[in-house]
């Protein structure tokens, strides 16, 4: 199967190419992380490979380490920035995958936050100011994270 580097019809490819607005918190040579615009909780971050891979199974083995190193980096930064008890890390492969581009959810969690089972209400940020503030505090926290 020939690898698609960039899919014009993929929202996440367009975010990686910076052709659409997003709230980027992290970027390196292989991946990009940005705030989910319909977060479970403020700070809910999505990490994507810059190249279009639909599922985890499609991701080349050589990219697993750098992608998941960045998941770990974001896990630490999101917890630090938002002063949470922990995080929920998730990947949907095909089923429940709203955008067919591999993405890892890094969701801030607090004890008693009401997130139970697999039926979770999605919420929007109250305004652009809240999303920009959340973006900034995660970016600031990333500066101090050392793995």
Protein backbone atom coordinates (compact mmCIF):
# COMPACT_ATOMS: atom_id res chain seq x y z
CA UNK A 1 0.00 0.00 0.00
CA UNK A 2 1.39 3.39 -0.98
CA UNK A 3 1.71 5.87 1.88
CA UNK A 4 -0.26 9.09 1.63
CA UNK A 5 1.88 11.91 3.00
CA UNK A 6 -0.90 14.49 3.00
CA UNK A 7 -4.62 13.98 2.42
CA UNK A 8 -6.33 17.15 1.22
CA UNK A 9 -9.64 15.89 2.62
CA UNK A 10 -8.21 15.22 6.10
CA UNK A 11 -8.85 17.89 8.72
CA UNK A 12 -5.80 16.81 10.74
CA UNK A 13 -3.52 16.89 7.68
CA UNK A 14 -4.72 20.45 7.12
CA UNK A 15 -3.95 21.28 10.74
CA UNK A 16 -0.46 19.74 10.38
CA UNK A 17 0.07 21.87 7.26
CA UNK A 18 -1.20 24.90 9.22
CA UNK A 19 -3.88 25.54 6.62
CA UNK A 20 -6.63 25.77 9.23
CA UNK A 21 -6.76 27.41 12.64
CA UNK A 22 -5.77 25.26 15.58
CA UNK A 23 -4.38 25.78 19.05
CA UNK A 24 -0.97 24.14 18.83
CA UNK A 25 0.78 23.32 22.10
CA UNK A 26 3.68 21.24 20.76
CA UNK A 27 5.44 20.45 17.50
CA UNK A 28 8.54 18.54 16.46
CA UNK A 29 9.72 16.93 13.23
CA UNK A 30 7.29 13.97 13.40
CA UNK A 31 4.26 15.17 15.31
CA UNK A 32 2.01 18.05 16.27
CA UNK A 33 -0.20 18.47 19.35
CA UNK A 34 -3.15 20.83 19.64
CA UNK A 35 -6.14 21.42 21.86
CA UNK A 36 -9.30 19.50 21.04
CA UNK A 37 -11.96 22.08 20.21
CA UNK A 38 -14.64 19.90 21.82
CA UNK A 39 -12.75 18.74 24.89
CA UNK A 40 -13.86 16.35 27.58
CA UNK A 41 -12.16 18.86 29.91
CA UNK A 42 -10.08 22.00 29.22
CA UNK A 43 -6.58 20.91 28.27
CA UNK A 44 -7.77 17.85 26.31
CA UNK A 45 -4.95 17.59 23.77
CA UNK A 46 -4.61 15.62 20.54
CA UNK A 47 -1.22 14.44 19.27
CA UNK A 48 -0.99 13.49 15.60
CA UNK A 49 1.78 12.32 13.31
CA UNK A 50 2.41 14.97 10.67
CA UNK A 51 2.25 12.35 7.94
CA UNK A 52 -1.18 10.85 7.28
CA UNK A 53 -1.60 7.46 8.95
CA UNK A 54 -5.17 6.39 9.54
CA UNK A 55 -4.66 4.05 12.51
CA UNK A 56 -2.03 2.88 14.96
CA UNK A 57 -1.63 -0.26 12.85
CA UNK A 58 -0.59 1.93 9.90
CA UNK A 59 2.09 3.78 11.87
CA UNK A 60 5.59 2.57 10.92
CA UNK A 61 7.50 0.95 13.77
CA UNK A 62 10.23 3.61 13.55
CA UNK A 63 7.69 6.27 14.53
CA UNK A 64 6.27 4.47 17.57
CA UNK A 65 9.07 5.58 19.91
CA UNK A 66 9.09 9.27 18.90
CA UNK A 67 5.30 9.53 18.91
CA UNK A 68 4.91 7.91 22.32
CA UNK A 69 7.83 9.85 23.76
CA UNK A 70 5.78 12.93 22.85
CA UNK A 71 2.65 11.40 24.42
CA UNK A 72 4.65 11.02 27.65
CA UNK A 73 5.94 14.59 27.38
CA UNK A 74 2.40 15.91 26.94
CA UNK A 75 1.07 13.71 29.74
CA UNK A 76 3.52 15.32 32.17
CA UNK A 77 2.95 18.85 30.83
CA UNK A 78 -0.86 18.65 30.87
CA UNK A 79 -0.87 17.35 34.47
CA UNK A 80 1.59 20.04 35.53
CA UNK A 81 -0.11 22.89 33.67
CA UNK A 82 -3.63 22.08 34.84
CA UNK A 83 -2.69 20.73 38.27
CA UNK A 84 -4.67 17.51 37.74
CA UNK A 85 -4.67 14.16 39.52
CA UNK A 86 -3.85 12.29 36.33
CA UNK A 87 -4.69 11.85 32.66
CA UNK A 88 -6.56 9.50 30.39
CA UNK A 89 -4.61 8.49 27.27
CA UNK A 90 -6.63 7.00 24.41
CA UNK A 91 -6.54 6.06 20.74
CA UNK A 92 -9.56 5.07 18.70
CA UNK A 93 -8.80 2.82 15.73
CA UNK A 94 -11.61 3.02 13.15
CA UNK A 95 -14.52 2.59 15.60
CA UNK A 96 -15.35 5.93 17.23
CA UNK A 97 -12.51 7.57 15.28
CA UNK A 98 -14.19 10.81 14.20
CA UNK A 99 -11.31 11.82 11.93
CA UNK A 100 -9.49 9.01 10.09
CA UNK A 101 -6.00 10.26 10.97
CA UNK A 102 -4.19 8.63 13.89
CA UNK A 103 -4.50 10.77 16.98
CA UNK A 104 -3.77 10.22 20.65
CA UNK A 105 -6.02 11.86 23.22
CA UNK A 106 -4.33 13.22 26.33
CA UNK A 107 -7.21 14.09 28.66
CA UNK A 108 -6.64 15.78 32.04
CA UNK A 109 -8.44 13.98 34.89
CA UNK A 110 -9.41 14.77 38.46
CA UNK A 111 -10.89 12.45 41.06
CA UNK A 112 -14.66 12.82 40.97
CA UNK A 113 -14.67 14.53 37.55
CA UNK A 114 -17.68 12.45 36.47
CA UNK A 115 -15.91 10.67 33.62
CA UNK A 116 -17.06 7.07 33.90
CA UNK A 117 -17.52 4.28 31.39
CA UNK A 118 -17.21 5.10 27.73
CA UNK A 119 -20.08 7.58 27.31
CA UNK A 120 -18.58 10.96 27.93
CA UNK A 121 -20.16 14.34 27.41
CA UNK A 122 -18.12 16.67 25.24
CA UNK A 123 -17.94 20.34 26.13
CA UNK A 124 -16.79 23.43 24.31
CA UNK A 125 -14.48 26.06 25.71
CA UNK A 126 -16.57 28.94 27.01
CA UNK A 127 -14.77 31.41 24.74
CA UNK A 128 -11.62 31.98 22.75
CA UNK A 129 -9.94 33.54 25.78
CA UNK A 130 -10.26 30.25 27.70
CA UNK A 131 -8.82 28.20 24.85
CA UNK A 132 -5.89 30.64 24.40
CA UNK A 133 -5.18 30.61 28.14
CA UNK A 134 -5.23 26.80 28.21
CA UNK A 135 -2.97 26.67 25.15
CA UNK A 136 -0.47 29.02 26.78
CA UNK A 137 -0.24 27.24 30.12
CA UNK A 138 0.42 23.89 28.44
CA UNK A 139 3.07 25.47 26.21
CA UNK A 140 4.71 27.01 29.27
CA UNK A 141 4.65 23.72 31.17
CA UNK A 142 6.31 21.95 28.21
CA UNK A 143 9.34 24.21 28.62
CA UNK A 144 10.11 22.70 32.01
CA UNK A 145 9.35 19.03 31.28
CA UNK A 146 12.41 16.81 31.01
CA UNK A 147 12.10 13.13 30.12
